[in-house]
Amino acid sequence: MRFVQHYKSIALLLFFIHLPDFIYAQLVTPDSSGIVVIGDIRIEGNARTRAGIILREMAVKSGDTLQAALLRESLETDRRKIINTNLFVTVEMLPASNADSVRTDVRVIVKERWYFIVLPVFQLADRNFNEWWYDRKRDLSRTIYGVYLSYGNVSGRADKLRFIAEFGFIPKFEVAYTLPYLDKAQKTGITVGTSYSVNKTTAFRTWRDKLDYLSSENINRRRFYSYVSLTRRNKYYTFHSVDLRYSYSRISDTIAVLNPNYLLNGRRNQRYFQLSYTFSYDRRDNVQYALSGQTLGLQISKTGLLHSDDVNTLYMYGSYRKYVPLGKNWYFNSGVRARVSFPKRQPYLQTVGLGYRNDLVRGYELYVVDGQNYALLKNELKYRLFSVQKHFPFIPVKQFNTIPLAAYINTFADAGYVKNFYPELSNTKLGNSMLYGAGAGLDVVTFYNILARFNLTYNAKGERRFFFNFSREF
């Protein structure tokens, strides 16, 4: 009897597994040669988002013909492109029977995000959580608080207005507006913004691959910049952007004396115009947490466009990363990044090496390796423990009652090298030498692009550490 019950359970499970394929086949209407003609494309659930913004992402168009066997794959590719706009919590792409029984319609069912977000700001002023935890002894005075306002999809055209007012360790005020589709062809966009910040306690140099701070009750640095960026998206996966900005910085006499190289030659003021061009190719399945696809980025930037500018530098940056699904919940990705800059002698404020944001060898989160040029290789193998999407009908706000949650265990190995032409200025021990790091960890991914990473690392210095990183994008 138990065997019969077990057999029935397996049969029932197999029926439900194959039920979507059965239903899918009933909704597709191919002709005798197996060709499907696409009928109407029906957008559902877009209370604010204009239909053209969604249709812009779709390669499948009304009137197209394609093999019935390729329809599901084509719709899944378009679904991923729509979800990568970051306008929706969920996106479904379903074929539907057409009234004339000859064509196959497509239903695009979206659940929009909550676009108007006002959040309190409470974050650390240091480069990352780990530096604050280990090197700054969890000093709560090194915190930033304030308010973050993001109004996405303002006009229904994927535009965004962002405002930040921060106080505490680094007071800052910033406002920016982005309109990704400025023209009728939906290919050209624009972003304008401005920012003003002040520092009292200031990192005035890097010494022995650590940031040295000047603690003070007086303002030691003021910084203002304003910019306008034009973007061009000719194809689905390629982006071009041109960014023009004006920047002004002013430092105290104390900083100029402690580090004459901060702005070069003991200067207290720095003004310049900067022009940058960026090309990117992004064909990841998910920009939040990619498992397949690839991304390529190239950037060239000239700082100092006028004879009166206080800076005259040029840098070129390139990156490439490949994501490969291996099957049975296993995934691998590998990427390389490199940056070269000119001339060799640059202000400390413009000298960029490894240690900021994600440009670091894992295992060296507590270090800043300054230099004019660098290269970085990162490799990762991961296994998906689970990926679920839970719906909670008792939550009245629909933008928050569907919560995706996924977890991955991973192992990684990184290598990097920083070329520093003036190592004596920072007494670097890690510059001009190979950096190696490896480890294992756990990644947790949930809605609204929230990602938490827990890593155990080991580096070439023989240091073993636990590191935590948290990121989110609204």
Protein backbone atom coordinates (compact mmCIF):
# COMPACT_ATOMS: atom_id res chain seq x y z
CA MET A 1 0.00 0.00 0.00
CA ARG A 2 2.82 2.41 0.87
CA PHE A 3 4.47 1.62 -2.48
CA VAL A 4 1.24 2.41 -4.36
CA GLN A 5 0.82 5.69 -2.49
CA HIS A 6 4.44 6.58 -3.19
CA TYR A 7 3.97 5.75 -6.90
CA LYS A 8 0.86 7.94 -7.07
CA SER A 9 2.72 10.82 -5.44
CA ILE A 10 5.53 10.59 -8.00
CA ALA A 11 3.04 10.45 -10.88
CA LEU A 12 1.20 13.49 -9.54
CA LEU A 13 4.46 15.39 -9.16
CA LEU A 14 5.50 14.59 -12.73
CA PHE A 15 2.11 15.74 -13.98
CA PHE A 16 2.50 19.15 -12.35
CA ILE A 17 6.08 19.49 -13.56
CA HIS A 18 5.00 19.00 -17.18
CA LEU A 19 1.74 20.89 -16.88
CA PRO A 20 3.25 24.26 -17.90
CA ASP A 21 4.62 22.71 -21.12
CA PHE A 22 1.20 21.21 -21.87
CA ILE A 23 -0.60 24.49 -21.31
CA TYR A 24 2.10 26.37 -23.22
CA ALA A 25 1.61 24.13 -26.25
CA GLN A 26 -2.15 24.73 -26.22
CA LEU A 27 -1.66 28.51 -26.36
CA VAL A 28 0.72 28.49 -29.33
CA THR A 29 -0.80 28.29 -32.81
CA PRO A 30 1.82 27.23 -35.39
CA ASP A 31 1.03 26.56 -39.02
CA SER A 32 1.68 23.26 -40.77
CA SER A 33 5.39 24.05 -41.08
CA GLY A 34 5.77 24.82 -37.36
CA ILE A 35 5.91 28.60 -37.85
CA VAL A 36 4.27 30.93 -35.33
CA VAL A 37 2.98 34.34 -36.38
CA ILE A 38 2.98 36.86 -33.51
CA GLY A 39 -0.31 38.68 -33.12
CA ASP A 40 -1.04 41.40 -30.59
CA ILE A 41 1.37 42.16 -27.73
CA ARG A 42 -0.74 42.98 -24.69
CA ILE A 43 0.86 44.83 -21.77
CA GLU A 44 -0.82 44.23 -18.41
CA GLY A 45 -0.13 45.70 -14.98
CA ASN A 46 1.65 48.87 -16.15
CA ALA A 47 -0.31 51.47 -14.20
CA ARG A 48 2.45 54.08 -14.61
CA THR A 49 4.99 52.75 -17.10
CA ARG A 50 4.29 53.64 -20.72
CA ALA A 51 3.87 50.63 -22.97
CA GLY A 52 6.57 51.94 -25.32
CA ILE A 53 9.20 51.61 -22.59
CA ILE A 54 8.39 47.90 -22.31
CA LEU A 55 8.10 47.31 -26.05
CA ARG A 56 11.49 49.04 -26.48
CA GLU A 57 13.11 46.07 -24.72
CA MET A 58 11.42 43.39 -26.82
CA ALA A 59 12.92 41.83 -29.92
CA VAL A 60 9.66 39.95 -30.51
CA LYS A 61 7.28 42.25 -32.40
CA SER A 62 3.70 41.98 -33.65
CA GLY A 63 3.73 40.37 -37.11
CA ASP A 64 7.01 38.50 -36.57
CA THR A 65 7.30 34.88 -37.66
CA LEU A 66 9.49 32.35 -35.87
CA GLN A 67 9.77 28.66 -35.20
CA ALA A 68 7.35 27.46 -32.53
CA ALA A 69 10.19 25.64 -30.80
CA LEU A 70 12.06 28.96 -30.37
CA LEU A 71 9.16 31.01 -29.05
CA ARG A 72 9.67 30.21 -25.37
CA GLU A 73 13.40 31.00 -25.54
CA SER A 74 12.73 34.29 -27.36
CA LEU A 75 10.14 35.38 -24.82
CA GLU A 76 12.43 34.46 -21.92
CA THR A 77 15.23 36.59 -23.42
CA ASP A 78 12.84 39.54 -23.71
CA ARG A 79 11.56 38.96 -20.16
CA ARG A 80 15.09 39.26 -18.81
CA LYS A 81 15.64 42.51 -20.69
CA ILE A 82 12.45 43.97 -19.23
CA ILE A 83 13.31 42.92 -15.67
CA ASN A 84 16.75 44.52 -16.11
CA THR A 85 15.12 47.93 -16.50
CA ASN A 86 14.66 47.80 -12.70
CA LEU A 87 11.10 49.08 -13.13
CA PHE A 88 9.32 45.90 -12.09
CA VAL A 89 9.28 43.39 -9.25
CA THR A 90 8.18 40.55 -11.52
CA VAL A 91 7.68 40.08 -15.27
CA GLU A 92 5.84 37.23 -17.01
CA MET A 93 5.78 36.57 -20.77
CA LEU A 94 2.94 34.27 -21.86
CA PRO A 95 1.60 33.24 -25.25
CA ALA A 96 -2.15 33.63 -25.69
CA SER A 97 -4.66 32.39 -28.22
CA ASN A 98 -5.70 34.96 -30.80
CA ALA A 99 -9.33 35.49 -31.73
CA ASP A 100 -8.67 34.66 -35.40
CA SER A 101 -6.97 31.36 -34.31
CA VAL A 102 -4.14 31.95 -36.80
CA ARG A 103 -1.81 34.15 -34.80
CA THR A 104 -0.38 33.81 -31.30
CA ASP A 105 -0.67 36.83 -29.03
CA VAL A 106 1.85 37.64 -26.29
CA ARG A 107 0.80 38.75 -22.82
CA VAL A 108 3.40 40.79 -20.93
CA ILE A 109 2.30 40.82 -17.28
CA VAL A 110 4.31 43.14 -15.04
CA LYS A 111 4.15 44.05 -11.38
CA GLU A 112 5.51 47.55 -10.95
CA ARG A 113 7.85 48.58 -8.19
CA TRP A 114 7.06 51.18 -5.58
CA TYR A 115 8.65 54.11 -7.36
CA PHE A 116 8.56 56.85 -4.73
CA ILE A 117 10.98 55.93 -1.98
CA VAL A 118 11.95 58.05 1.02
CA LEU A 119 14.45 56.36 3.28
CA PRO A 120 16.52 57.40 6.24
CA VAL A 121 20.24 57.29 5.54
CA PHE A 122 22.49 55.60 8.05
CA GLN A 123 25.78 54.40 6.67
CA LEU A 124 29.47 54.25 7.40
CA ALA A 125 31.88 56.91 6.17
CA ASP A 126 34.65 54.39 5.57
CA ARG A 127 35.35 52.57 2.30
CA ASN A 128 33.54 49.47 3.45
CA PHE A 129 32.03 47.82 6.50
CA ASN A 130 35.16 45.76 7.13
CA GLU A 131 37.50 48.76 7.39
CA TRP A 132 35.12 50.33 9.92
CA TRP A 133 34.79 47.07 11.87
CA TYR A 134 38.45 46.10 12.05
CA ASP A 135 40.54 49.28 11.64
CA ARG A 136 38.20 51.98 13.02
CA LYS A 137 37.15 49.85 16.00
CA ARG A 138 33.46 50.23 15.22
CA ASP A 139 33.56 53.96 15.97
CA LEU A 140 29.95 55.18 15.72
CA SER A 141 31.08 58.78 15.23
CA ARG A 142 32.20 57.71 11.73
CA THR A 143 28.62 57.42 10.52
CA ILE A 144 26.54 59.37 8.04
CA TYR A 145 22.82 60.00 8.54
CA GLY A 146 20.21 61.86 6.59
CA VAL A 147 17.48 61.26 4.01
CA TYR A 148 17.45 59.63 0.58
CA LEU A 149 14.64 60.37 -1.84
CA SER A 150 14.21 58.50 -5.09
CA TYR A 151 11.29 59.13 -7.40
CA GLY A 152 11.54 56.59 -10.18
CA ASN A 153 9.51 56.42 -13.36
CA VAL A 154 8.36 60.02 -12.80
CA SER A 155 6.72 60.42 -16.20
CA GLY A 156 6.34 56.72 -16.97
CA ARG A 157 9.41 56.82 -19.24
CA ALA A 158 11.86 55.15 -16.82
CA ASP A 159 13.14 58.54 -15.68
CA LYS A 160 14.35 59.11 -12.14
CA LEU A 161 14.75 62.05 -9.75
CA ARG A 162 17.17 61.51 -6.89
CA PHE A 163 17.92 63.70 -3.88
CA ILE A 164 20.31 63.06 -0.99
CA ALA A 165 20.81 65.14 2.14
CA GLU A 166 23.45 63.68 4.46
CA PHE A 167 24.90 64.87 7.74
CA GLY A 168 27.29 63.53 10.32
CA PHE A 169 30.83 62.51 9.38
CA ILE A 170 30.63 63.80 5.77
CA PRO A 171 27.78 66.25 5.12
CA LYS A 172 26.67 66.07 1.49
CA PHE A 173 23.85 67.37 -0.67
CA GLU A 174 23.19 65.87 -4.08
CA VAL A 175 20.44 66.08 -6.68
CA ALA A 176 20.25 64.35 -10.07
CA TYR A 177 17.67 63.70 -12.75
CA THR A 178 17.88 60.99 -15.44
CA LEU A 179 15.74 60.72 -18.55
CA PRO A 180 16.89 57.61 -20.45
CA TYR A 181 14.80 58.26 -23.55
CA LEU A 182 15.03 61.85 -24.69
CA ASP A 183 14.17 61.38 -28.37
CA LYS A 184 11.22 59.81 -30.16
CA ALA A 185 13.35 56.87 -31.31
CA GLN A 186 14.08 56.05 -27.63
CA LYS A 187 17.83 55.86 -28.15
CA THR A 188 19.23 59.02 -26.54
CA GLY A 189 19.07 59.92 -22.84
CA ILE A 190 20.36 62.61 -20.51
CA THR A 191 21.40 62.93 -16.87
CA VAL A 192 22.10 66.19 -15.05
CA GLY A 193 23.26 66.50 -11.47
CA THR A 194 25.21 68.43 -8.89
CA SER A 195 26.81 67.62 -5.53
CA TYR A 196 28.38 69.49 -2.61
CA SER A 197 30.19 67.92 0.34
CA VAL A 198 32.48 68.92 3.21
CA ASN A 199 34.94 66.93 5.33
CA LYS A 200 36.29 67.68 8.76
CA THR A 201 38.15 64.44 9.50
CA THR A 202 39.87 63.76 6.19
CA ALA A 203 42.05 61.05 4.66
CA PHE A 204 45.03 63.18 3.64
CA ARG A 205 47.35 60.41 2.41
CA THR A 206 47.84 56.66 2.02
CA TRP A 207 50.68 55.31 4.18
CA ARG A 208 51.78 51.68 4.24
CA ASP A 209 48.67 50.84 2.24
CA LYS A 210 46.30 52.31 4.84
CA LEU A 211 44.44 55.61 4.80
CA ASP A 212 45.85 58.24 7.17
CA TYR A 213 43.24 60.59 8.62
CA LEU A 214 43.52 64.09 10.03
CA SER A 215 41.01 64.47 12.86
CA SER A 216 39.71 67.99 13.26
CA GLU A 217 36.69 70.08 14.25
CA ASN A 218 37.44 72.41 11.36
CA ILE A 219 36.47 71.83 7.74
CA ASN A 220 39.50 70.43 5.94
CA ARG A 221 38.00 69.83 2.50
CA ARG A 222 35.13 71.18 0.43
CA ARG A 223 34.12 69.63 -2.86
CA PHE A 224 31.60 70.68 -5.49
CA TYR A 225 30.89 69.18 -8.88
CA SER A 226 28.21 69.46 -11.52
CA TYR A 227 27.75 67.32 -14.61
CA VAL A 228 25.69 66.50 -17.66
CA SER A 229 25.78 63.09 -19.34
CA LEU A 230 24.38 62.08 -22.70
CA THR A 231 23.72 58.39 -23.36
CA ARG A 232 23.08 56.57 -26.62
CA ARG A 233 21.58 53.10 -26.87
CA ASN A 234 21.47 52.04 -30.52
CA LYS A 235 20.94 48.35 -29.77
CA TYR A 236 19.54 46.34 -26.90
CA TYR A 237 22.84 45.55 -25.22
CA THR A 238 25.22 48.38 -26.24
CA PHE A 239 25.48 51.77 -24.54
CA HIS A 240 27.52 54.88 -25.29
CA SER A 241 27.81 57.84 -22.94
CA VAL A 242 29.61 61.17 -22.91
CA ASP A 243 30.02 62.92 -19.57
CA LEU A 244 31.11 66.54 -19.09
CA ARG A 245 31.66 67.81 -15.57
CA TYR A 246 33.11 70.71 -13.64
CA SER A 247 34.78 70.05 -10.29
CA TYR A 248 36.09 72.35 -7.57
CA SER A 249 37.95 71.27 -4.42
CA ARG A 250 39.43 73.32 -1.61
CA ILE A 251 41.57 71.97 1.25
CA SER A 252 42.87 73.48 4.47
CA ASP A 253 46.42 74.76 5.00
CA THR A 254 47.02 71.81 7.32
CA ILE A 255 46.25 69.23 4.62
CA ALA A 256 48.44 71.09 2.13
CA VAL A 257 51.33 71.05 4.60
CA LEU A 258 50.89 67.41 5.70
CA ASN A 259 50.68 66.20 2.09
CA PRO A 260 51.88 68.74 -0.50
CA ASN A 261 51.10 66.12 -3.15
CA TYR A 262 47.37 66.09 -2.25
CA LEU A 263 46.63 68.64 -4.99
CA LEU A 264 50.28 68.84 -6.17
CA ASN A 265 52.85 71.48 -5.25
CA GLY A 266 51.16 72.38 -1.97
CA ARG A 267 48.15 73.82 -3.79
CA ARG A 268 44.98 74.49 -1.76
CA ASN A 269 42.50 74.82 -4.63
CA GLN A 270 41.76 72.61 -7.61
CA ARG A 271 39.46 73.46 -10.52
CA TYR A 272 39.01 71.50 -13.72
CA PHE A 273 36.70 70.35 -16.47
CA GLN A 274 36.57 66.64 -17.27
CA LEU A 275 35.32 64.89 -20.40
CA SER A 276 34.71 61.12 -20.42
CA TYR A 277 33.49 58.64 -23.00
CA THR A 278 32.19 55.22 -21.96
CA PHE A 279 31.18 52.23 -24.04
CA SER A 280 29.46 49.25 -22.45
CA TYR A 281 28.08 45.98 -23.73
CA ASP A 282 25.87 44.27 -21.18
CA ARG A 283 24.22 40.95 -21.99
CA ARG A 284 23.80 39.52 -18.51
CA ASP A 285 20.68 37.61 -17.60
CA ASN A 286 20.28 39.78 -14.51
CA VAL A 287 22.19 42.98 -13.81
CA GLN A 288 21.59 42.61 -10.07
CA TYR A 289 23.15 39.15 -9.77
CA ALA A 290 24.22 37.63 -13.07
CA LEU A 291 24.47 33.88 -13.68
CA SER A 292 24.90 33.85 -17.45
CA GLY A 293 25.99 36.23 -20.18
CA GLN A 294 28.83 38.71 -20.43
CA THR A 295 29.64 42.37 -19.93
CA LEU A 296 32.28 44.61 -21.50
CA GLY A 297 33.21 48.16 -20.53
CA LEU A 298 35.67 50.68 -21.96
CA GLN A 299 36.27 54.22 -20.77
CA ILE A 300 38.62 57.05 -21.67
CA SER A 301 38.68 60.25 -19.63
CA LYS A 302 40.56 63.53 -19.98
CA THR A 303 40.82 65.76 -16.91
CA GLY A 304 41.84 69.30 -17.68
CA LEU A 305 40.25 70.66 -20.85
CA LEU A 306 41.21 74.31 -20.48
CA HIS A 307 44.61 75.94 -20.10
CA SER A 308 43.46 77.38 -16.77
CA ASP A 309 42.55 73.96 -15.29
CA ASP A 310 44.63 72.80 -12.32
CA VAL A 311 44.79 69.16 -13.43
CA ASN A 312 46.06 67.59 -16.65
CA THR A 313 45.62 63.80 -16.66
CA LEU A 314 44.35 61.08 -18.95
CA TYR A 315 43.22 57.59 -18.05
CA MET A 316 41.82 54.54 -19.86
CA TYR A 317 39.86 51.80 -18.18
CA GLY A 318 38.64 48.45 -19.48
CA SER A 319 36.74 45.50 -18.03
CA TYR A 320 35.32 42.20 -19.26
CA ARG A 321 33.43 39.50 -17.38
CA LYS A 322 31.93 36.21 -18.53
CA TYR A 323 29.21 34.30 -16.66
CA VAL A 324 28.82 30.60 -17.48
CA PRO A 325 26.07 28.29 -16.14
CA LEU A 326 27.60 24.83 -15.69
CA GLY A 327 24.37 22.95 -15.06
CA LYS A 328 22.81 21.35 -11.97
CA ASN A 329 22.82 24.70 -10.10
CA TRP A 330 26.55 25.30 -10.64
CA TYR A 331 27.80 28.61 -12.07
CA PHE A 332 31.18 30.09 -12.91
CA ASN A 333 32.30 33.61 -13.75
CA SER A 334 35.63 35.19 -14.53
CA GLY A 335 36.60 38.77 -15.26
CA VAL A 336 39.51 41.10 -15.81
CA ARG A 337 39.88 44.86 -15.26
CA ALA A 338 42.73 47.22 -16.03
CA ARG A 339 43.46 50.93 -15.77
CA VAL A 340 46.35 53.00 -17.14
CA SER A 341 46.83 56.73 -16.60
CA PHE A 342 49.16 59.56 -17.56
CA PRO A 343 51.36 61.34 -16.58
CA LYS A 344 53.29 59.42 -13.94
CA ARG A 345 53.12 62.28 -11.42
CA GLN A 346 49.53 62.99 -10.43
CA PRO A 347 47.74 64.65 -7.51
CA TYR A 348 46.95 62.29 -4.65
CA LEU A 349 43.26 63.10 -5.12
CA GLN A 350 43.36 61.71 -8.69
CA THR A 351 45.64 58.71 -8.04
CA VAL A 352 43.48 55.59 -8.12
CA GLY A 353 44.61 52.03 -7.43
CA LEU A 354 42.95 49.00 -5.84
CA GLY A 355 40.83 49.16 -2.71
CA TYR A 356 37.78 51.19 -3.61
CA ARG A 357 34.29 49.82 -4.35
CA ASN A 358 34.64 46.43 -6.08
CA ASP A 359 38.08 47.12 -7.56
CA LEU A 360 40.03 45.02 -5.08
CA VAL A 361 41.56 41.61 -4.58
CA ARG A 362 39.29 39.85 -2.12
CA GLY A 363 41.23 39.29 1.08
CA TYR A 364 42.68 42.83 0.92
CA GLU A 365 39.52 44.72 1.92
CA LEU A 366 41.46 46.51 4.66
CA TYR A 367 44.09 47.92 2.29
CA VAL A 368 44.33 50.72 -0.24
CA VAL A 369 47.03 50.13 -2.85
CA ASP A 370 47.64 53.42 -4.64
CA GLY A 371 49.15 53.62 -8.10
CA GLN A 372 48.84 55.02 -11.58
CA ASN A 373 48.16 51.68 -13.33
CA TYR A 374 46.63 48.40 -12.22
CA ALA A 375 45.27 45.07 -13.43
CA LEU A 376 42.80 42.77 -11.66
CA LEU A 377 41.63 39.20 -12.30
CA LYS A 378 38.63 37.75 -10.41
CA ASN A 379 37.26 34.18 -10.61
CA GLU A 380 34.27 32.65 -8.87
CA LEU A 381 32.55 29.26 -8.72
CA LYS A 382 29.15 29.10 -7.03
CA TYR A 383 26.32 26.70 -6.25
CA ARG A 384 22.69 27.75 -5.88
CA LEU A 385 21.19 26.49 -2.64
CA PHE A 386 17.71 27.78 -3.45
CA SER A 387 15.85 30.45 -5.38
CA VAL A 388 12.24 31.10 -4.41
CA GLN A 389 9.64 33.78 -4.86
CA LYS A 390 7.11 34.13 -2.07
CA HIS A 391 3.81 35.97 -2.29
CA PHE A 392 2.29 37.36 0.90
CA PRO A 393 -1.31 38.44 0.18
CA PHE A 394 -1.74 39.85 3.70
CA ILE A 395 0.69 42.68 2.82
CA PRO A 396 -1.60 45.38 1.36
CA VAL A 397 1.03 47.11 -0.81
CA LYS A 398 1.42 44.97 -3.93
CA GLN A 399 4.92 46.28 -4.68
CA PHE A 400 6.14 44.66 -1.45
CA ASN A 401 4.04 41.50 -1.17
CA THR A 402 6.14 39.47 -3.62
CA ILE A 403 9.59 38.75 -2.22
CA PRO A 404 12.24 36.86 -4.22
CA LEU A 405 15.00 35.23 -2.19
CA ALA A 406 18.04 33.27 -3.36
CA ALA A 407 21.20 31.97 -1.72
CA TYR A 408 24.49 30.78 -3.23
CA ILE A 409 27.62 29.28 -1.71
CA ASN A 410 30.78 30.21 -3.57
CA THR A 411 34.51 29.90 -3.73
CA PHE A 412 36.77 32.47 -5.37
CA ALA A 413 40.36 33.25 -6.32
CA ASP A 414 41.63 36.73 -7.30
CA ALA A 415 44.94 38.25 -8.39
CA GLY A 416 46.00 41.85 -8.94
CA TYR A 417 48.94 44.15 -9.53
CA VAL A 418 49.34 47.90 -8.99
CA LYS A 419 52.12 49.93 -10.61
CA ASN A 420 53.19 52.85 -8.43
CA PHE A 421 55.85 55.11 -9.94
CA TYR A 422 56.39 56.97 -6.65
CA PRO A 423 56.22 54.31 -3.90
CA GLU A 424 58.18 56.53 -1.50
CA LEU A 425 55.24 58.94 -1.27
CA SER A 426 53.06 56.29 0.38
CA ASN A 427 55.69 53.85 1.69
CA THR A 428 53.70 51.11 -0.02
CA LYS A 429 54.46 47.47 0.68
CA LEU A 430 51.78 46.06 -1.61
CA GLY A 431 52.36 48.26 -4.63
CA ASN A 432 54.61 46.92 -7.41
CA SER A 433 54.04 43.34 -6.24
CA MET A 434 51.55 40.59 -7.04
CA LEU A 435 48.48 40.35 -4.83
CA TYR A 436 46.66 37.04 -4.35
CA GLY A 437 43.47 36.29 -2.46
CA ALA A 438 41.07 33.36 -2.18
CA GLY A 439 38.20 32.16 -0.05
CA ALA A 440 34.65 30.91 0.21
CA GLY A 441 31.38 32.49 1.19
CA LEU A 442 27.62 32.86 1.02
CA ASP A 443 25.65 35.33 -1.12
CA VAL A 444 22.04 36.23 -0.27
CA VAL A 445 19.98 38.05 -2.90
CA THR A 446 16.53 39.52 -2.36
CA PHE A 447 14.17 42.14 -3.77
CA TYR A 448 14.91 45.73 -4.73
CA ASN A 449 18.46 44.70 -5.62
CA ILE A 450 19.61 43.95 -2.09
CA LEU A 451 22.69 41.75 -1.94
CA ALA A 452 24.57 40.55 1.15
CA ARG A 453 27.92 38.74 0.93
CA PHE A 454 29.58 36.77 3.74
CA ASN A 455 33.15 35.70 2.90
CA LEU A 456 36.01 33.90 4.62
CA THR A 457 39.24 35.01 2.89
CA TYR A 458 42.94 34.24 2.82
CA ASN A 459 45.56 36.49 1.20
CA ALA A 460 49.22 36.27 0.23
CA LYS A 461 50.21 38.04 3.46
CA GLY A 462 48.93 34.98 5.32
CA GLU A 463 45.96 36.87 6.77
CA ARG A 464 42.67 35.04 7.35
CA ARG A 465 39.60 37.20 7.77
CA PHE A 466 35.82 37.16 7.74
CA PHE A 467 34.39 39.96 5.58
CA PHE A 468 30.84 41.19 5.12
CA ASN A 469 29.58 43.34 2.26
CA PHE A 470 26.14 44.79 1.65
CA SER A 471 24.84 46.58 -1.41
CA ARG A 472 21.50 47.77 -2.70
CA GLU A 473 20.13 49.78 -5.59
CA PHE A 474 16.84 51.65 -5.65
